[in-house]
Amino acid sequence: MNKKISLEKVNYFLKNYYRWILGIIFVLLFCLNILIYYQYVYLTMKAEPEPTLEKITIDQEGLKKILDNLDKRQENLERVEKTNYSDPFR
């Protein structure tokens, strides 16, 4: 049962059937690409978004800090806009 295949037979087989082998590999890769497209593109496009009705909780202290920071930035912007700086391009 321990038969060895000679390299000449392998070389002959590959010379005669390499186009068939490449064709089969191409068809398998093409089928794999169709499967990937179906799973990740087609099914995603058909999916319906589910609404979530969870109640949103807001941290009042964090919101106050953010709004105070926003007010400070707005005041700085107004102060900078009112200040007359010398034009460096004159």
PDB file of N, CA and C in Angstrom:
ATOM      1  N   MET A   1       0.814  -1.196   0.000  1.00  0.00           N
ATOM      2  CA  MET A   1       0.000   0.000   0.000  1.00  0.00           C
ATOM      3  C   MET A   1       0.854   1.254   0.000  1.00  0.00           C
ATOM      4  N   ASN A   2       2.112   1.122   0.179  1.00  0.00           N
ATOM      5  CA  ASN A   2       2.986   2.283   0.259  1.00  0.00           C
ATOM      6  C   ASN A   2       3.532   2.594  -1.132  1.00  0.00           C
ATOM      7  N   LYS A   3       2.655   3.126  -1.998  1.00  0.00           N
ATOM      8  CA  LYS A   3       3.080   3.452  -3.354  1.00  0.00           C
ATOM      9  C   LYS A   3       3.529   4.905  -3.401  1.00  0.00           C
ATOM     10  N   LYS A   4       4.606   5.148  -4.068  1.00  0.00           N
ATOM     11  CA  LYS A   4       5.102   6.506  -4.234  1.00  0.00           C
ATOM     12  C   LYS A   4       4.807   6.963  -5.655  1.00  0.00           C
ATOM     13  N   ILE A   5       4.369   8.187  -5.765  1.00  0.00           N
ATOM     14  CA  ILE A   5       4.088   8.761  -7.078  1.00  0.00           C
ATOM     15  C   ILE A   5       5.348   9.467  -7.550  1.00  0.00           C
ATOM     16  N   SER A   6       5.761   9.154  -8.752  1.00  0.00           N
ATOM     17  CA  SER A   6       6.999   9.748  -9.254  1.00  0.00           C
ATOM     18  C   SER A   6       6.772  11.211  -9.633  1.00  0.00           C
ATOM     19  N   LEU A   7       7.841  11.973  -9.598  1.00  0.00           N
ATOM     20  CA  LEU A   7       7.761  13.389  -9.942  1.00  0.00           C
ATOM     21  C   LEU A   7       7.397  13.591 -11.407  1.00  0.00           C
ATOM     22  N   GLU A   8       7.732  12.637 -12.247  1.00  0.00           N
ATOM     23  CA  GLU A   8       7.380  12.745 -13.663  1.00  0.00           C
ATOM     24  C   GLU A   8       5.870  12.710 -13.853  1.00  0.00           C
ATOM     25  N   LYS A   9       5.194  11.854 -13.100  1.00  0.00           N
ATOM     26  CA  LYS A   9       3.735  11.775 -13.201  1.00  0.00           C
ATOM     27  C   LYS A   9       3.080  13.053 -12.678  1.00  0.00           C
ATOM     28  N   VAL A  10       3.605  13.593 -11.594  1.00  0.00           N
ATOM     29  CA  VAL A  10       3.064  14.838 -11.039  1.00  0.00           C
ATOM     30  C   VAL A  10       3.275  15.972 -12.026  1.00  0.00           C
ATOM     31  N   ASN A  11       4.455  16.037 -12.620  1.00  0.00           N
ATOM     32  CA  ASN A  11       4.767  17.077 -13.594  1.00  0.00           C
ATOM     33  C   ASN A  11       3.852  16.956 -14.816  1.00  0.00           C
ATOM     34  N   TYR A  12       3.639  15.741 -15.297  1.00  0.00           N
ATOM     35  CA  TYR A  12       2.752  15.501 -16.440  1.00  0.00           C
ATOM     36  C   TYR A  12       1.321  15.926 -16.106  1.00  0.00           C
ATOM     37  N   PHE A  13       0.850  15.553 -14.915  1.00  0.00           N
ATOM     38  CA  PHE A  13      -0.504  15.911 -14.495  1.00  0.00           C
ATOM     39  C   PHE A  13      -0.672  17.424 -14.430  1.00  0.00           C
ATOM     40  N   LEU A  14       0.293  18.121 -13.825  1.00  0.00           N
ATOM     41  CA  LEU A  14       0.184  19.572 -13.694  1.00  0.00           C
ATOM     42  C   LEU A  14       0.267  20.274 -15.047  1.00  0.00           C
ATOM     43  N   LYS A  15       1.078  19.763 -15.964  1.00  0.00           N
ATOM     44  CA  LYS A  15       1.166  20.368 -17.296  1.00  0.00           C
ATOM     45  C   LYS A  15      -0.159  20.251 -18.044  1.00  0.00           C
ATOM     46  N   ASN A  16      -0.824  19.135 -17.899  1.00  0.00           N
ATOM     47  CA  ASN A  16      -2.053  18.901 -18.657  1.00  0.00           C
ATOM     48  C   ASN A  16      -3.293  19.505 -18.006  1.00  0.00           C
ATOM     49  N   TYR A  17      -3.301  19.641 -16.694  1.00  0.00           N
ATOM     50  CA  TYR A  17      -4.532  20.038 -16.010  1.00  0.00           C
ATOM     51  C   TYR A  17      -4.416  21.333 -15.197  1.00  0.00           C
ATOM     52  N   TYR A  18      -3.376  22.130 -15.424  1.00  0.00           N
ATOM     53  CA  TYR A  18      -3.225  23.329 -14.595  1.00  0.00           C
ATOM     54  C   TYR A  18      -4.333  24.340 -14.872  1.00  0.00           C
ATOM     55  N   ARG A  19      -4.830  24.400 -16.108  1.00  0.00           N
ATOM     56  CA  ARG A  19      -5.933  25.330 -16.398  1.00  0.00           C
ATOM     57  C   ARG A  19      -7.208  24.904 -15.677  1.00  0.00           C
ATOM     58  N   TRP A  20      -7.455  23.602 -15.622  1.00  0.00           N
ATOM     59  CA  TRP A  20      -8.626  23.116 -14.887  1.00  0.00           C
ATOM     60  C   TRP A  20      -8.499  23.429 -13.395  1.00  0.00           C
ATOM     61  N   ILE A  21      -7.306  23.232 -12.876  1.00  0.00           N
ATOM     62  CA  ILE A  21      -7.076  23.509 -11.450  1.00  0.00           C
ATOM     63  C   ILE A  21      -7.279  24.988 -11.163  1.00  0.00           C
ATOM     64  N   LEU A  22      -6.722  25.871 -11.998  1.00  0.00           N
ATOM     65  CA  LEU A  22      -6.906  27.312 -11.811  1.00  0.00           C
ATOM     66  C   LEU A  22      -8.371  27.710 -11.973  1.00  0.00           C
ATOM     67  N   GLY A  23      -9.064  27.065 -12.903  1.00  0.00           N
ATOM     68  CA  GLY A  23     -10.489  27.344 -13.093  1.00  0.00           C
ATOM     69  C   GLY A  23     -11.309  26.967 -11.875  1.00  0.00           C
ATOM     70  N   ILE A  24     -11.011  25.820 -11.296  1.00  0.00           N
ATOM     71  CA  ILE A  24     -11.732  25.384 -10.092  1.00  0.00           C
ATOM     72  C   ILE A  24     -11.453  26.335  -8.936  1.00  0.00           C
ATOM     73  N   ILE A  25     -10.197  26.749  -8.786  1.00  0.00           N
ATOM     74  CA  ILE A  25      -9.858  27.709  -7.723  1.00  0.00           C
ATOM     75  C   ILE A  25     -10.599  29.021  -7.947  1.00  0.00           C
ATOM     76  N   PHE A  26     -10.659  29.489  -9.193  1.00  0.00           N
ATOM     77  CA  PHE A  26     -11.368  30.727  -9.504  1.00  0.00           C
ATOM     78  C   PHE A  26     -12.849  30.610  -9.168  1.00  0.00           C
ATOM     79  N   VAL A  27     -13.469  29.497  -9.544  1.00  0.00           N
ATOM     80  CA  VAL A  27     -14.896  29.306  -9.260  1.00  0.00           C
ATOM     81  C   VAL A  27     -15.140  29.264  -7.756  1.00  0.00           C
ATOM     82  N   LEU A  28     -14.283  28.591  -7.012  1.00  0.00           N
ATOM     83  CA  LEU A  28     -14.446  28.533  -5.555  1.00  0.00           C
ATOM     84  C   LEU A  28     -14.305  29.917  -4.925  1.00  0.00           C
ATOM     85  N   LEU A  29     -13.322  30.691  -5.377  1.00  0.00           N
ATOM     86  CA  LEU A  29     -13.162  32.048  -4.849  1.00  0.00           C
ATOM     87  C   LEU A  29     -14.345  32.931  -5.229  1.00  0.00           C
ATOM     88  N   PHE A  30     -14.868  32.753  -6.427  1.00  0.00           N
ATOM     89  CA  PHE A  30     -16.034  33.518  -6.859  1.00  0.00           C
ATOM     90  C   PHE A  30     -17.244  33.191  -5.987  1.00  0.00           C
ATOM     91  N   CYS A  31     -17.451  31.913  -5.701  1.00  0.00           N
ATOM     92  CA  CYS A  31     -18.560  31.513  -4.822  1.00  0.00           C
ATOM     93  C   CYS A  31     -18.372  32.077  -3.416  1.00  0.00           C
ATOM     94  N   LEU A  32     -17.145  32.086  -2.930  1.00  0.00           N
ATOM     95  CA  LEU A  32     -16.870  32.655  -1.615  1.00  0.00           C
ATOM     96  C   LEU A  32     -17.176  34.151  -1.598  1.00  0.00           C
ATOM     97  N   ASN A  33     -16.825  34.863  -2.670  1.00  0.00           N
ATOM     98  CA  ASN A  33     -17.123  36.294  -2.747  1.00  0.00           C
ATOM     99  C   ASN A  33     -18.620  36.548  -2.787  1.00  0.00           C
ATOM    100  N   ILE A  34     -19.365  35.704  -3.484  1.00  0.00           N
ATOM    101  CA  ILE A  34     -20.821  35.855  -3.512  1.00  0.00           C
ATOM    102  C   ILE A  34     -21.394  35.648  -2.117  1.00  0.00           C
ATOM    103  N   LEU A  35     -20.902  34.657  -1.401  1.00  0.00           N
ATOM    104  CA  LEU A  35     -21.372  34.405  -0.039  1.00  0.00           C
ATOM    105  C   LEU A  35     -21.069  35.591   0.872  1.00  0.00           C
ATOM    106  N   ILE A  36     -19.866  36.138   0.773  1.00  0.00           N
ATOM    107  CA  ILE A  36     -19.498  37.289   1.599  1.00  0.00           C
ATOM    108  C   ILE A  36     -20.376  38.484   1.257  1.00  0.00           C
ATOM    109  N   TYR A  37     -20.606  38.728  -0.022  1.00  0.00           N
ATOM    110  CA  TYR A  37     -21.468  39.840  -0.426  1.00  0.00           C
ATOM    111  C   TYR A  37     -22.867  39.637   0.136  1.00  0.00           C
ATOM    112  N   TYR A  38     -23.391  38.434   0.031  1.00  0.00           N
ATOM    113  CA  TYR A  38     -24.739  38.163   0.517  1.00  0.00           C
ATOM    114  C   TYR A  38     -24.838  38.393   2.019  1.00  0.00           C
ATOM    115  N   GLN A  39     -23.857  37.911   2.763  1.00  0.00           N
ATOM    116  CA  GLN A  39     -23.925  38.026   4.217  1.00  0.00           C
ATOM    117  C   GLN A  39     -23.754  39.457   4.693  1.00  0.00           C
ATOM    118  N   TYR A  40     -22.774  40.164   4.155  1.00  0.00           N
ATOM    119  CA  TYR A  40     -22.396  41.442   4.740  1.00  0.00           C
ATOM    120  C   TYR A  40     -22.986  42.647   4.038  1.00  0.00           C
ATOM    121  N   VAL A  41     -23.476  42.507   2.830  1.00  0.00           N
ATOM    122  CA  VAL A  41     -24.040  43.655   2.129  1.00  0.00           C
ATOM    123  C   VAL A  41     -25.542  43.491   1.957  1.00  0.00           C
ATOM    124  N   TYR A  42     -25.968  42.428   1.340  1.00  0.00           N
ATOM    125  CA  TYR A  42     -27.376  42.251   1.033  1.00  0.00           C
ATOM    126  C   TYR A  42     -28.215  42.125   2.302  1.00  0.00           C
ATOM    127  N   LEU A  43     -27.769  41.309   3.249  1.00  0.00           N
ATOM    128  CA  LEU A  43     -28.537  41.149   4.487  1.00  0.00           C
ATOM    129  C   LEU A  43     -28.523  42.421   5.319  1.00  0.00           C
ATOM    130  N   THR A  44     -27.442  43.188   5.260  1.00  0.00           N
ATOM    131  CA  THR A  44     -27.378  44.449   5.997  1.00  0.00           C
ATOM    132  C   THR A  44     -28.336  45.462   5.406  1.00  0.00           C
ATOM    133  N   MET A  45     -28.461  45.483   4.087  1.00  0.00           N
ATOM    134  CA  MET A  45     -29.365  46.436   3.450  1.00  0.00           C
ATOM    135  C   MET A  45     -30.819  46.084   3.740  1.00  0.00           C
ATOM    136  N   LYS A  46     -31.126  44.821   3.926  1.00  0.00           N
ATOM    137  CA  LYS A  46     -32.502  44.404   4.184  1.00  0.00           C
ATOM    138  C   LYS A  46     -32.885  44.505   5.658  1.00  0.00           C
ATOM    139  N   ALA A  47     -31.921  44.702   6.533  1.00  0.00           N
ATOM    140  CA  ALA A  47     -32.201  44.718   7.971  1.00  0.00           C
ATOM    141  C   ALA A  47     -32.984  45.974   8.340  1.00  0.00           C
ATOM    142  N   GLU A  48     -33.940  45.809   9.191  1.00  0.00           N
ATOM    143  CA  GLU A  48     -34.741  46.923   9.693  1.00  0.00           C
ATOM    144  C   GLU A  48     -34.163  47.377  11.028  1.00  0.00           C
ATOM    145  N   PRO A  49     -33.953  48.670  11.194  1.00  0.00           N
ATOM    146  CA  PRO A  49     -33.446  49.139  12.488  1.00  0.00           C
ATOM    147  C   PRO A  49     -34.514  49.000  13.571  1.00  0.00           C
ATOM    148  N   GLU A  50     -34.101  48.544  14.706  1.00  0.00           N
ATOM    149  CA  GLU A  50     -35.029  48.373  15.818  1.00  0.00           C
ATOM    150  C   GLU A  50     -34.940  49.586  16.731  1.00  0.00           C
ATOM    151  N   PRO A  51     -36.064  50.215  17.006  1.00  0.00           N
ATOM    152  CA  PRO A  51     -36.009  51.391  17.888  1.00  0.00           C
ATOM    153  C   PRO A  51     -35.743  50.972  19.332  1.00  0.00           C
ATOM    154  N   THR A  52     -34.919  51.731  19.985  1.00  0.00           N
ATOM    155  CA  THR A  52     -34.651  51.478  21.402  1.00  0.00           C
ATOM    156  C   THR A  52     -35.320  52.576  22.204  1.00  0.00           C
ATOM    157  N   LEU A  53     -36.075  52.178  23.163  1.00  0.00           N
ATOM    158  CA  LEU A  53     -36.834  53.131  23.962  1.00  0.00           C
ATOM    159  C   LEU A  53     -36.288  53.201  25.381  1.00  0.00           C
ATOM    160  N   GLU A  54     -34.983  53.277  25.491  1.00  0.00           N
ATOM    161  CA  GLU A  54     -34.372  53.379  26.806  1.00  0.00           C
ATOM    162  C   GLU A  54     -34.367  54.837  27.249  1.00  0.00           C
ATOM    163  N   LYS A  55     -34.579  55.033  28.515  1.00  0.00           N
ATOM    164  CA  LYS A  55     -34.592  56.381  29.059  1.00  0.00           C
ATOM    165  C   LYS A  55     -33.151  56.862  29.219  1.00  0.00           C
ATOM    166  N   ILE A  56     -32.910  58.069  28.755  1.00  0.00           N
ATOM    167  CA  ILE A  56     -31.572  58.643  28.821  1.00  0.00           C
ATOM    168  C   ILE A  56     -31.437  59.423  30.126  1.00  0.00           C
ATOM    169  N   THR A  57     -30.403  59.113  30.870  1.00  0.00           N
ATOM    170  CA  THR A  57     -30.140  59.849  32.100  1.00  0.00           C
ATOM    171  C   THR A  57     -28.982  60.803  31.857  1.00  0.00           C
ATOM    172  N   ILE A  58     -29.133  62.018  32.349  1.00  0.00           N
ATOM    173  CA  ILE A  58     -28.123  63.052  32.140  1.00  0.00           C
ATOM    174  C   ILE A  58     -27.513  63.412  33.489  1.00  0.00           C
ATOM    175  N   ASP A  59     -26.211  63.421  33.517  1.00  0.00           N
ATOM    176  CA  ASP A  59     -25.494  63.832  34.716  1.00  0.00           C
ATOM    177  C   ASP A  59     -25.538  65.358  34.791  1.00  0.00           C
ATOM    178  N   GLN A  60     -26.233  65.890  35.778  1.00  0.00           N
ATOM    179  CA  GLN A  60     -26.435  67.340  35.873  1.00  0.00           C
ATOM    180  C   GLN A  60     -25.132  68.076  36.137  1.00  0.00           C
ATOM    181  N   GLU A  61     -24.261  67.516  36.959  1.00  0.00           N
ATOM    182  CA  GLU A  61     -22.994  68.187  37.265  1.00  0.00           C
ATOM    183  C   GLU A  61     -22.103  68.242  36.028  1.00  0.00           C
ATOM    184  N   GLY A  62     -22.029  67.151  35.306  1.00  0.00           N
ATOM    185  CA  GLY A  62     -21.231  67.128  34.081  1.00  0.00           C
ATOM    186  C   GLY A  62     -21.783  68.080  33.038  1.00  0.00           C
ATOM    187  N   LEU A  63     -23.108  68.121  32.927  1.00  0.00           N
ATOM    188  CA  LEU A  63     -23.736  69.038  31.979  1.00  0.00           C
ATOM    189  C   LEU A  63     -23.467  70.483  32.360  1.00  0.00           C
ATOM    190  N   LYS A  64     -23.497  70.779  33.668  1.00  0.00           N
ATOM    191  CA  LYS A  64     -23.227  72.148  34.128  1.00  0.00           C
ATOM    192  C   LYS A  64     -21.786  72.538  33.808  1.00  0.00           C
ATOM    193  N   LYS A  65     -20.829  71.624  33.993  1.00  0.00           N
ATOM    194  CA  LYS A  65     -19.429  71.914  33.669  1.00  0.00           C
ATOM    195  C   LYS A  65     -19.256  72.186  32.176  1.00  0.00           C
ATOM    196  N   ILE A  66     -19.913  71.384  31.368  1.00  0.00           N
ATOM    197  CA  ILE A  66     -19.808  71.567  29.915  1.00  0.00           C
ATOM    198  C   ILE A  66     -20.404  72.902  29.499  1.00  0.00           C
ATOM    199  N   LEU A  67     -21.564  73.248  30.053  1.00  0.00           N
ATOM    200  CA  LEU A  67     -22.195  74.521  29.697  1.00  0.00           C
ATOM    201  C   LEU A  67     -21.383  75.706  30.197  1.00  0.00           C
ATOM    202  N   ASP A  68     -20.782  75.597  31.392  1.00  0.00           N
ATOM    203  CA  ASP A  68     -19.913  76.673  31.888  1.00  0.00           C
ATOM    204  C   ASP A  68     -18.696  76.844  30.984  1.00  0.00           C
ATOM    205  N   ASN A  69     -18.110  75.743  30.568  1.00  0.00           N
ATOM    206  CA  ASN A  69     -16.970  75.802  29.661  1.00  0.00           C
ATOM    207  C   ASN A  69     -17.375  76.444  28.335  1.00  0.00           C
ATOM    208  N   LEU A  70     -18.562  76.118  27.853  1.00  0.00           N
ATOM    209  CA  LEU A  70     -19.062  76.707  26.612  1.00  0.00           C
ATOM    210  C   LEU A  70     -19.271  78.209  26.771  1.00  0.00           C
ATOM    211  N   ASP A  71     -19.804  78.626  27.924  1.00  0.00           N
ATOM    212  CA  ASP A  71     -19.985  80.062  28.177  1.00  0.00           C
ATOM    213  C   ASP A  71     -18.646  80.783  28.221  1.00  0.00           C
ATOM    214  N   LYS A  72     -17.645  80.192  28.872  1.00  0.00           N
ATOM    215  CA  LYS A  72     -16.315  80.810  28.932  1.00  0.00           C
ATOM    216  C   LYS A  72     -15.716  80.954  27.535  1.00  0.00           C
ATOM    217  N   ARG A  73     -15.863  79.958  26.725  1.00  0.00           N
ATOM    218  CA  ARG A  73     -15.333  80.030  25.359  1.00  0.00           C
ATOM    219  C   ARG A  73     -16.052  81.113  24.555  1.00  0.00           C
ATOM    220  N   GLN A  74     -17.356  81.209  24.740  1.00  0.00           N
ATOM    221  CA  GLN A  74     -18.122  82.241  24.033  1.00  0.00           C
ATOM    222  C   GLN A  74     -17.681  83.633  24.477  1.00  0.00           C
ATOM    223  N   GLU A  75     -17.463  83.827  25.783  1.00  0.00           N
ATOM    224  CA  GLU A  75     -16.993  85.121  26.287  1.00  0.00           C
ATOM    225  C   GLU A  75     -15.602  85.443  25.741  1.00  0.00           C
ATOM    226  N   ASN A  76     -14.715  84.459  25.710  1.00  0.00           N
ATOM    227  CA  ASN A  76     -13.376  84.678  25.155  1.00  0.00           C
ATOM    228  C   ASN A  76     -13.445  85.038  23.675  1.00  0.00           C
ATOM    229  N   LEU A  77     -14.315  84.401  22.940  1.00  0.00           N
ATOM    230  CA  LEU A  77     -14.457  84.702  21.521  1.00  0.00           C
ATOM    231  C   LEU A  77     -14.962  86.127  21.321  1.00  0.00           C
ATOM    232  N   GLU A  78     -15.946  86.531  22.114  1.00  0.00           N
ATOM    233  CA  GLU A  78     -16.461  87.901  22.003  1.00  0.00           C
ATOM    234  C   GLU A  78     -15.388  88.918  22.376  1.00  0.00           C
ATOM    235  N   ARG A  79     -14.598  88.624  23.406  1.00  0.00           N
ATOM    236  CA  ARG A  79     -13.534  89.537  23.825  1.00  0.00           C
ATOM    237  C   ARG A  79     -12.471  89.667  22.737  1.00  0.00           C
ATOM    238  N   VAL A  80     -12.111  88.548  22.125  1.00  0.00           N
ATOM    239  CA  VAL A  80     -11.093  88.573  21.072  1.00  0.00           C
ATOM    240  C   VAL A  80     -11.610  89.309  19.841  1.00  0.00           C
ATOM    241  N   GLU A  81     -12.885  89.137  19.519  1.00  0.00           N
ATOM    242  CA  GLU A  81     -13.443  89.827  18.357  1.00  0.00           C
ATOM    243  C   GLU A  81     -13.499  91.334  18.575  1.00  0.00           C
ATOM    244  N   LYS A  82     -13.687  91.783  19.808  1.00  0.00           N
ATOM    245  CA  LYS A  82     -13.769  93.221  20.099  1.00  0.00           C
ATOM    246  C   LYS A  82     -12.394  93.875  20.149  1.00  0.00           C
ATOM    247  N   THR A  83     -11.369  93.107  20.460  1.00  0.00           N
ATOM    248  CA  THR A  83     -10.023  93.662  20.587  1.00  0.00           C
ATOM    249  C   THR A  83      -9.458  93.961  19.203  1.00  0.00           C
ATOM    250  N   ASN A  84      -8.867  95.153  19.064  1.00  0.00           N
ATOM    251  CA  ASN A  84      -8.233  95.529  17.799  1.00  0.00           C
ATOM    252  C   ASN A  84      -6.755  95.178  17.869  1.00  0.00           C
ATOM    253  N   TYR A  85      -6.361  94.223  17.075  1.00  0.00           N
ATOM    254  CA  TYR A  85      -4.966  93.825  17.007  1.00  0.00           C
ATOM    255  C   TYR A  85      -4.322  94.505  15.802  1.00  0.00           C
ATOM    256  N   SER A  86      -3.012  94.692  15.882  1.00  0.00           N
ATOM    257  CA  SER A  86      -2.322  95.299  14.744  1.00  0.00           C
ATOM    258  C   SER A  86      -2.260  94.296  13.598  1.00  0.00           C
ATOM    259  N   ASP A  87      -2.395  94.816  12.387  1.00  0.00           N
ATOM    260  CA  ASP A  87      -2.386  93.960  11.209  1.00  0.00           C
ATOM    261  C   ASP A  87      -0.943  93.677  10.810  1.00  0.00           C
ATOM    262  N   PRO A  88      -0.491  92.432  10.824  1.00  0.00           N
ATOM    263  CA  PRO A  88       0.913  92.135  10.504  1.00  0.00           C
ATOM    264  C   PRO A  88       1.215  92.246   9.005  1.00  0.00           C
ATOM    265  N   PHE A  89       0.201  92.402   8.165  1.00  0.00           N
ATOM    266  CA  PHE A  89       0.421  92.442   6.723  1.00  0.00           C
ATOM    267  C   PHE A  89       0.449  93.858   6.168  1.00  0.00           C
ATOM    268  N   ARG A  90       0.459  94.879   7.022  1.00  0.00           N
ATOM    269  CA  ARG A  90       0.538  96.271   6.534  1.00  0.00           C
ATOM    270  C   ARG A  90       1.944  96.665   6.256  1.00  0.00           C
TER     271      ARG A  90
END
